[in-house]
């Protein structure tokens, strides 16, 4: 009988996030029976679905992102996760982020399952809304308690251990947020314009207003896709500009298509938000995969990677003149932009690809299950 694994994630954008699809897909192809519990906040997908060897279960309760009511609905989500895990009786529960790990931990202990805590974002340092310092400290303390109690912790970059505050997990592995290789682009450009593409969270700390203005001043074209807490406000800013287009939520294949057709990928994160300094966005590695130079913010982990590889330009977040100069440099020197893209592709092939991550994930699961068998 196949070993059953249950992934839990409180989001369901475009049906299934790329990172979960990669991790769950790797386990499924290796003989595991994989279930995924998601929260469909927009009621946009079926409650039950089979997709690429995965069984998806969705909690269908409307809760638009960024709305204050979301926090009050968390107990209903937690109760759903707890009882669904108990019904499924998995050998391993793979919980993503703090808003799933609390009920996942409780259910895993009752079910006798191992708990993998996959940290996409450290919540205490990710939340940009005003919080009393005591609330933020309590949240960080609770997150670190889960890090200590989990049977294994996954980080997209080991430099994020700084956020643990000295807590030592039982097992810790790095599984980078890198894509499966789709090859180099053979697609025609999206238009005759010089296109900058941003696909991801629609939030005020992603430099989108600065990108709109820089494109208006340089004659470049900005294409934005995604969803997020500030979507209502930022979509109006983007759509009201003659230099920008807002696509809303699109599938991962469409994200890759836009990446392949653009000239530059933007990954501007405000380092004033502590969690942003450690973000390792998949858009950076997707740009490298498709030979595209990338624009990133000073003081972030992507800036370290871009400087090391030489695959883009680092600018100070919020410095519109510096951003404008960076765009002009890329627009006026296609040879230099191509060289940046080529360096990114070479490093992607060497180490920033999903094929390099799969053995790490499978080895972690073998160790967890072997520990159970030995016990």
Protein backbone atom coordinates (compact mmCIF):
# COMPACT_ATOMS: atom_id res chain seq x y z
CA UNK A 1 0.00 0.00 0.00
CA UNK A 2 1.30 3.46 -0.91
CA UNK A 3 2.36 5.79 1.89
CA UNK A 4 -0.22 8.58 2.24
CA UNK A 5 0.91 12.21 2.46
CA UNK A 6 -1.35 15.22 3.04
CA UNK A 7 -0.27 18.72 2.02
CA UNK A 8 -2.11 21.65 3.64
CA UNK A 9 -2.11 25.22 2.31
CA UNK A 10 -4.50 28.08 3.12
CA UNK A 11 -4.46 29.42 -0.43
CA UNK A 12 -5.61 28.09 -3.78
CA UNK A 13 -4.50 30.61 -6.45
CA UNK A 14 -5.09 29.39 -9.99
CA UNK A 15 -6.08 26.04 -8.48
CA UNK A 16 -2.68 24.94 -7.16
CA UNK A 17 0.53 26.85 -6.47
CA UNK A 18 3.62 25.90 -8.50
CA UNK A 19 5.78 25.02 -5.48
CA UNK A 20 3.15 22.69 -4.03
CA UNK A 21 2.58 21.17 -7.46
CA UNK A 22 6.32 20.43 -7.74
CA UNK A 23 6.73 18.99 -4.25
CA UNK A 24 3.52 16.96 -4.31
CA UNK A 25 4.18 15.87 -7.89
CA UNK A 26 7.65 14.62 -7.00
CA UNK A 27 6.24 12.49 -4.18
CA UNK A 28 3.37 11.20 -6.32
CA UNK A 29 5.73 10.12 -9.12
CA UNK A 30 7.84 8.33 -6.50
CA UNK A 31 4.94 6.15 -5.39
CA UNK A 32 3.34 8.15 -2.57
CA UNK A 33 -0.42 8.66 -2.36
CA UNK A 34 -0.70 12.44 -2.19
CA UNK A 35 -3.66 14.54 -1.02
CA UNK A 36 -3.76 18.34 -0.91
CA UNK A 37 -6.09 20.37 1.35
CA UNK A 38 -6.60 23.95 0.14
CA UNK A 39 -8.78 26.92 1.09
CA UNK A 40 -10.70 28.16 -1.93
CA UNK A 41 -11.37 31.71 -0.78
CA UNK A 42 -12.95 32.85 -4.04
CA UNK A 43 -15.15 29.77 -4.61
CA UNK A 44 -13.46 29.42 -7.98
CA UNK A 45 -12.70 25.69 -8.03
CA UNK A 46 -14.45 22.36 -7.36
CA UNK A 47 -14.52 21.00 -3.83
CA UNK A 48 -12.83 17.77 -4.94
CA UNK A 49 -10.49 17.33 -7.90
CA UNK A 50 -7.95 14.86 -9.24
CA UNK A 51 -5.03 16.59 -10.91
CA UNK A 52 -1.78 15.05 -12.19
CA UNK A 53 -1.87 12.17 -9.72
CA UNK A 54 -2.94 14.34 -6.76
CA UNK A 55 -6.24 14.30 -4.90
CA UNK A 56 -7.24 17.89 -4.07
CA UNK A 57 -9.75 18.71 -1.31
CA UNK A 58 -10.94 22.32 -1.06
CA UNK A 59 -12.52 24.14 1.85
CA UNK A 60 -14.94 26.43 0.04
CA UNK A 61 -15.55 29.49 2.20
CA UNK A 62 -15.44 32.97 0.72
CA UNK A 63 -12.72 35.10 2.27
CA UNK A 64 -11.20 37.63 -0.17
CA UNK A 65 -7.55 38.27 0.55
CA UNK A 66 -6.81 41.46 2.43
CA UNK A 67 -10.24 41.62 4.08
CA UNK A 68 -10.33 42.06 7.90
CA UNK A 69 -12.84 39.22 8.22
CA UNK A 70 -10.19 36.72 7.15
CA UNK A 71 -8.71 36.49 10.66
CA UNK A 72 -12.12 35.69 12.14
CA UNK A 73 -12.60 32.84 9.68
CA UNK A 74 -9.33 31.13 10.57
CA UNK A 75 -10.87 28.97 13.34
CA UNK A 76 -13.30 27.48 10.82
CA UNK A 77 -10.40 26.72 8.48
CA UNK A 78 -8.38 25.18 11.30
CA UNK A 79 -11.30 22.97 12.35
CA UNK A 80 -11.76 21.81 8.76
CA UNK A 81 -8.05 20.97 8.41
CA UNK A 82 -7.95 19.14 11.73
CA UNK A 83 -10.89 16.85 11.03
CA UNK A 84 -10.01 16.26 7.35
CA UNK A 85 -6.50 15.12 8.31
CA UNK A 86 -7.94 12.76 10.92
CA UNK A 87 -10.27 11.26 8.30
CA UNK A 88 -7.42 10.79 5.82
CA UNK A 89 -5.05 9.22 8.39
CA UNK A 90 -1.79 10.04 6.58
CA UNK A 91 1.72 8.91 7.46
CA UNK A 92 3.06 12.44 6.85
CA UNK A 93 1.39 15.85 7.08
CA UNK A 94 3.14 18.51 4.99
CA UNK A 95 1.96 21.90 6.33
CA UNK A 96 2.76 25.16 4.58
CA UNK A 97 3.16 28.24 6.79
CA UNK A 98 1.82 29.08 10.21
CA UNK A 99 -1.86 29.36 9.27
CA UNK A 100 -1.92 25.62 8.57
CA UNK A 101 0.71 24.17 10.88
CA UNK A 102 -1.26 24.65 14.12
CA UNK A 103 -4.19 22.32 13.24
CA UNK A 104 -1.83 20.11 11.22
CA UNK A 105 0.39 19.58 14.27
CA UNK A 106 -2.55 18.67 16.49
CA UNK A 107 -4.04 16.25 13.95
CA UNK A 108 -0.65 14.69 13.13
CA UNK A 109 0.00 13.90 16.76
CA UNK A 110 -3.39 12.23 17.20
CA UNK A 111 -3.03 10.32 13.91
CA UNK A 112 0.53 9.27 14.69
CA UNK A 113 1.82 11.04 11.58
CA UNK A 114 5.07 12.85 10.96
CA UNK A 115 4.87 16.64 10.52
CA UNK A 116 6.83 18.53 7.87
CA UNK A 117 6.70 22.32 8.33
CA UNK A 118 7.38 23.99 4.97
CA UNK A 119 7.99 27.70 5.59
CA UNK A 120 7.19 29.81 2.55
CA UNK A 121 6.97 32.96 4.72
CA UNK A 122 7.65 33.69 8.39
CA UNK A 123 4.35 35.27 9.39
CA UNK A 124 5.52 37.55 12.20
CA UNK A 125 7.82 39.34 9.77
CA UNK A 126 5.60 39.08 6.70
CA UNK A 127 2.48 40.90 7.93
CA UNK A 128 2.61 44.54 6.85
CA UNK A 129 -0.61 45.59 8.62
CA UNK A 130 -0.15 47.49 11.90
CA UNK A 131 0.15 45.12 14.88
CA UNK A 132 0.87 45.78 18.53
CA UNK A 133 4.49 44.77 19.20
CA UNK A 134 3.27 42.29 21.80
CA UNK A 135 1.03 40.61 19.20
CA UNK A 136 3.86 40.34 16.69
CA UNK A 137 6.18 38.95 19.37
CA UNK A 138 3.57 36.39 20.44
CA UNK A 139 3.11 35.32 16.83
CA UNK A 140 6.86 34.89 16.36
CA UNK A 141 7.06 32.87 19.58
CA UNK A 142 4.26 30.58 18.42
CA UNK A 143 5.86 30.08 15.00
CA UNK A 144 9.20 29.21 16.57
CA UNK A 145 7.45 26.74 18.86
CA UNK A 146 6.13 24.95 15.76
CA UNK A 147 9.61 24.96 14.22
CA UNK A 148 10.95 23.20 17.31
CA UNK A 149 8.09 20.66 17.46
CA UNK A 150 7.92 19.69 13.79
CA UNK A 151 9.67 16.51 12.71
CA UNK A 152 11.27 18.42 9.81
CA UNK A 153 11.44 22.00 8.57
CA UNK A 154 11.90 23.07 4.95
CA UNK A 155 13.26 26.49 3.96
CA UNK A 156 13.65 27.91 0.44
CA UNK A 157 17.01 29.35 1.52
CA UNK A 158 19.04 28.46 4.61
CA UNK A 159 19.91 32.10 5.19
CA UNK A 160 16.37 32.44 6.55
CA UNK A 161 17.46 30.55 9.69
CA UNK A 162 18.10 34.03 11.08
CA UNK A 163 14.33 34.29 11.53
CA UNK A 164 14.31 31.28 13.86
CA UNK A 165 15.70 33.31 16.75
CA UNK A 166 18.01 30.54 17.93
CA UNK A 167 15.44 27.73 17.77
CA UNK A 168 16.93 24.50 16.39
CA UNK A 169 14.61 22.26 14.35
CA UNK A 170 14.93 18.48 14.53
CA UNK A 171 15.67 18.28 10.81
CA UNK A 172 16.26 21.20 8.46
CA UNK A 173 16.65 21.09 4.69
CA UNK A 174 16.86 23.70 1.95
CA UNK A 175 14.57 23.20 -1.03
CA UNK A 176 14.84 26.24 -3.25
CA UNK A 177 11.85 27.81 -4.95
CA UNK A 178 13.08 26.90 -8.43
CA UNK A 179 11.07 25.77 -11.48
CA UNK A 180 11.08 22.59 -13.50
CA UNK A 181 13.07 23.20 -16.67
CA UNK A 182 10.81 24.27 -19.54
CA UNK A 183 13.73 24.99 -21.85
CA UNK A 184 14.72 28.29 -23.40
CA UNK A 185 11.96 30.39 -24.98
CA UNK A 186 11.10 29.92 -28.61
CA UNK A 187 8.12 32.25 -28.45
CA UNK A 188 7.64 35.51 -30.28
CA UNK A 189 7.69 38.68 -28.12
CA UNK A 190 4.34 39.68 -26.63
CA UNK A 191 4.41 42.95 -28.60
CA UNK A 192 6.71 45.38 -30.39
CA UNK A 193 7.25 47.17 -27.07
CA UNK A 194 10.03 46.59 -24.56
CA UNK A 195 8.02 44.62 -21.98
CA UNK A 196 8.63 44.27 -18.24
CA UNK A 197 6.66 41.47 -16.61
CA UNK A 198 5.68 41.10 -12.98
CA UNK A 199 3.72 38.06 -11.84
CA UNK A 200 2.97 37.54 -8.17
CA UNK A 201 1.45 39.10 -5.08
CA UNK A 202 -0.36 42.38 -5.75
CA UNK A 203 0.80 44.33 -2.72
CA UNK A 204 2.12 47.79 -1.93
CA UNK A 205 5.56 46.44 -1.01
CA UNK A 206 6.30 45.11 -4.54
CA UNK A 207 7.23 48.38 -6.25
CA UNK A 208 4.36 48.32 -8.73
CA UNK A 209 3.62 52.05 -8.64
CA UNK A 210 7.31 52.78 -9.26
CA UNK A 211 7.31 50.36 -12.20
CA UNK A 212 4.27 52.06 -13.74
CA UNK A 213 5.93 55.49 -13.56
CA UNK A 214 9.28 54.19 -14.84
CA UNK A 215 7.58 52.60 -17.83
CA UNK A 216 5.63 55.77 -18.59
CA UNK A 217 8.88 57.78 -18.54
CA UNK A 218 10.94 55.35 -20.66
CA UNK A 219 8.38 54.13 -23.18
CA UNK A 220 8.53 50.58 -21.87
CA UNK A 221 5.44 48.46 -21.33
CA UNK A 222 4.52 46.88 -17.98
CA UNK A 223 2.45 43.69 -17.78
CA UNK A 224 1.24 42.66 -14.31
CA UNK A 225 -0.46 39.43 -13.25
CA UNK A 226 -1.51 38.09 -9.88
CA UNK A 227 -3.70 38.78 -6.89
CA UNK A 228 -3.24 40.04 -3.37
CA UNK A 229 -4.30 42.24 -0.46
CA UNK A 230 -3.90 45.56 -2.31
CA UNK A 231 -5.33 44.39 -5.62
CA UNK A 232 -8.29 46.79 -5.67
CA UNK A 233 -6.10 49.87 -5.28
CA UNK A 234 -3.13 48.81 -7.40
CA UNK A 235 -5.20 47.41 -10.26
CA UNK A 236 -6.70 50.88 -10.71
CA UNK A 237 -3.22 52.43 -10.80
CA UNK A 238 -2.03 49.92 -13.38
CA UNK A 239 -5.12 49.99 -15.59
CA UNK A 240 -5.27 53.79 -15.63
CA UNK A 241 -1.77 54.00 -17.12
CA UNK A 242 -1.19 53.99 -20.88
CA UNK A 243 2.03 52.04 -20.23
CA UNK A 244 0.63 49.15 -18.20
CA UNK A 245 -1.73 46.18 -18.43
CA UNK A 246 -3.24 44.19 -15.56
CA UNK A 247 -4.08 40.55 -16.31
CA UNK A 248 -5.39 39.53 -12.87
CA UNK A 249 -4.97 35.94 -11.73
CA UNK A 250 -3.64 33.69 -14.49
CA UNK A 251 -2.50 30.06 -14.59
CA UNK A 252 1.11 29.08 -14.01
CA UNK A 253 1.51 28.13 -17.66
CA UNK A 254 0.35 31.62 -18.60
CA UNK A 255 2.86 33.12 -16.14
CA UNK A 256 5.62 31.17 -17.85
CA UNK A 257 4.37 32.26 -21.27
CA UNK A 258 4.46 35.93 -20.23
CA UNK A 259 7.95 35.43 -18.78
CA UNK A 260 9.17 33.84 -22.01
CA UNK A 261 7.77 36.69 -24.13
CA UNK A 262 8.94 39.69 -22.09
CA UNK A 263 12.32 41.42 -22.15
CA UNK A 264 12.79 41.90 -18.38
CA UNK A 265 11.31 40.35 -15.23
CA UNK A 266 10.70 42.57 -12.20
CA UNK A 267 11.07 41.25 -8.64
CA UNK A 268 11.12 44.41 -6.53
CA UNK A 269 10.54 43.72 -2.83
CA UNK A 270 10.61 46.42 -0.15
CA UNK A 271 13.40 45.42 2.30
CA UNK A 272 11.74 47.53 5.01
CA UNK A 273 9.41 44.52 5.43
CA UNK A 274 11.66 42.04 7.30
CA UNK A 275 10.34 38.97 5.52
CA UNK A 276 11.04 40.53 2.12
CA UNK A 277 14.77 40.58 2.83
CA UNK A 278 14.71 36.76 2.82
CA UNK A 279 12.21 36.18 0.01
CA UNK A 280 13.40 33.83 -2.74
CA UNK A 281 10.68 34.36 -5.37
CA UNK A 282 10.22 31.79 -8.11
CA UNK A 283 9.97 34.64 -10.63
CA UNK A 284 13.72 35.22 -10.19
CA UNK A 285 14.53 31.63 -11.15
CA UNK A 286 11.92 31.56 -13.92
CA UNK A 287 13.65 34.60 -15.43
CA UNK A 288 16.97 32.75 -15.27
CA UNK A 289 15.40 29.70 -16.90
CA UNK A 290 14.17 31.80 -19.83
CA UNK A 291 17.35 33.87 -20.34
CA UNK A 292 15.72 37.06 -19.02
CA UNK A 293 17.51 39.76 -17.03
CA UNK A 294 15.82 40.59 -13.75
CA UNK A 295 15.33 43.80 -11.73
CA UNK A 296 15.63 43.29 -7.97
CA UNK A 297 15.84 45.44 -4.82
CA UNK A 298 18.94 46.27 -2.84
CA UNK A 299 19.06 44.63 0.58
CA UNK A 300 17.27 41.42 -0.40
CA UNK A 301 18.32 37.82 -0.94
CA UNK A 302 17.58 38.07 -4.70
CA UNK A 303 20.04 40.97 -4.89
CA UNK A 304 22.77 38.70 -3.53
CA UNK A 305 21.95 36.06 -6.16
CA UNK A 306 21.77 38.59 -9.02
CA UNK A 307 25.13 40.08 -8.09
CA UNK A 308 26.75 36.67 -7.72
CA UNK A 309 25.42 35.41 -11.06
CA UNK A 310 25.43 38.70 -12.98
CA UNK A 311 21.93 38.10 -14.32
CA UNK A 312 20.28 41.48 -13.81
CA UNK A 313 20.37 44.89 -12.15
CA UNK A 314 20.03 45.77 -8.47
CA UNK A 315 18.29 49.05 -7.60
CA UNK A 316 17.40 50.74 -4.35
CA UNK A 317 13.73 50.15 -3.59
CA UNK A 318 11.64 53.28 -4.10
CA UNK A 319 14.36 55.10 -6.08
CA UNK A 320 12.42 55.88 -9.24
CA UNK A 321 15.33 57.57 -10.97
CA UNK A 322 17.56 54.55 -10.41
CA UNK A 323 14.81 52.27 -11.69
CA UNK A 324 14.38 54.47 -14.76
CA UNK A 325 18.14 54.37 -15.45
CA UNK A 326 18.16 50.58 -15.10
CA UNK A 327 15.35 50.24 -17.63
CA UNK A 328 17.05 52.61 -20.05
CA UNK A 329 20.28 50.64 -19.75
CA UNK A 330 18.52 47.39 -20.64
CA UNK A 331 16.52 49.00 -23.43
CA UNK A 332 19.55 50.64 -25.06
CA UNK A 333 21.97 47.70 -24.75
CA UNK A 334 20.36 44.53 -26.00
CA UNK A 335 23.77 42.79 -26.07
CA UNK A 336 24.33 43.41 -22.36
CA UNK A 337 20.78 42.35 -21.53
CA UNK A 338 21.29 39.15 -23.52
CA UNK A 339 24.55 38.46 -21.69
CA UNK A 340 22.77 38.84 -18.34
CA UNK A 341 20.11 36.40 -19.48
CA UNK A 342 22.70 33.90 -20.70
CA UNK A 343 24.54 33.98 -17.36
CA UNK A 344 21.25 33.39 -15.56
CA UNK A 345 20.42 30.41 -17.79
CA UNK A 346 23.84 28.85 -17.23
CA UNK A 347 23.47 29.08 -13.46
CA UNK A 348 19.91 27.76 -13.65
CA UNK A 349 21.17 24.67 -15.47
CA UNK A 350 23.95 24.22 -12.92
CA UNK A 351 22.01 24.44 -9.65
CA UNK A 352 18.79 26.52 -9.67
CA UNK A 353 16.43 23.90 -11.13
CA UNK A 354 13.86 21.51 -9.68
CA UNK A 355 15.72 18.38 -10.80
CA UNK A 356 18.42 19.33 -8.30
CA UNK A 357 15.83 19.70 -5.51
CA UNK A 358 13.95 16.41 -5.97
CA UNK A 359 16.59 14.14 -4.35
CA UNK A 360 16.66 16.39 -1.27
CA UNK A 361 12.89 16.15 -0.78
CA UNK A 362 12.81 12.39 -1.32
CA UNK A 363 15.74 11.83 1.04
CA UNK A 364 13.95 13.82 3.74
CA UNK A 365 10.84 11.67 3.40
CA UNK A 366 12.90 8.47 3.44
CA UNK A 367 14.53 9.59 6.70
CA UNK A 368 11.18 10.43 8.30
CA UNK A 369 9.62 7.10 7.35
CA UNK A 370 12.73 5.16 8.27
CA UNK A 371 12.60 6.76 11.73
CA UNK A 372 9.02 5.52 12.06
CA UNK A 373 9.99 2.01 10.96
CA UNK A 374 12.96 1.93 13.35
CA UNK A 375 10.72 3.02 16.23
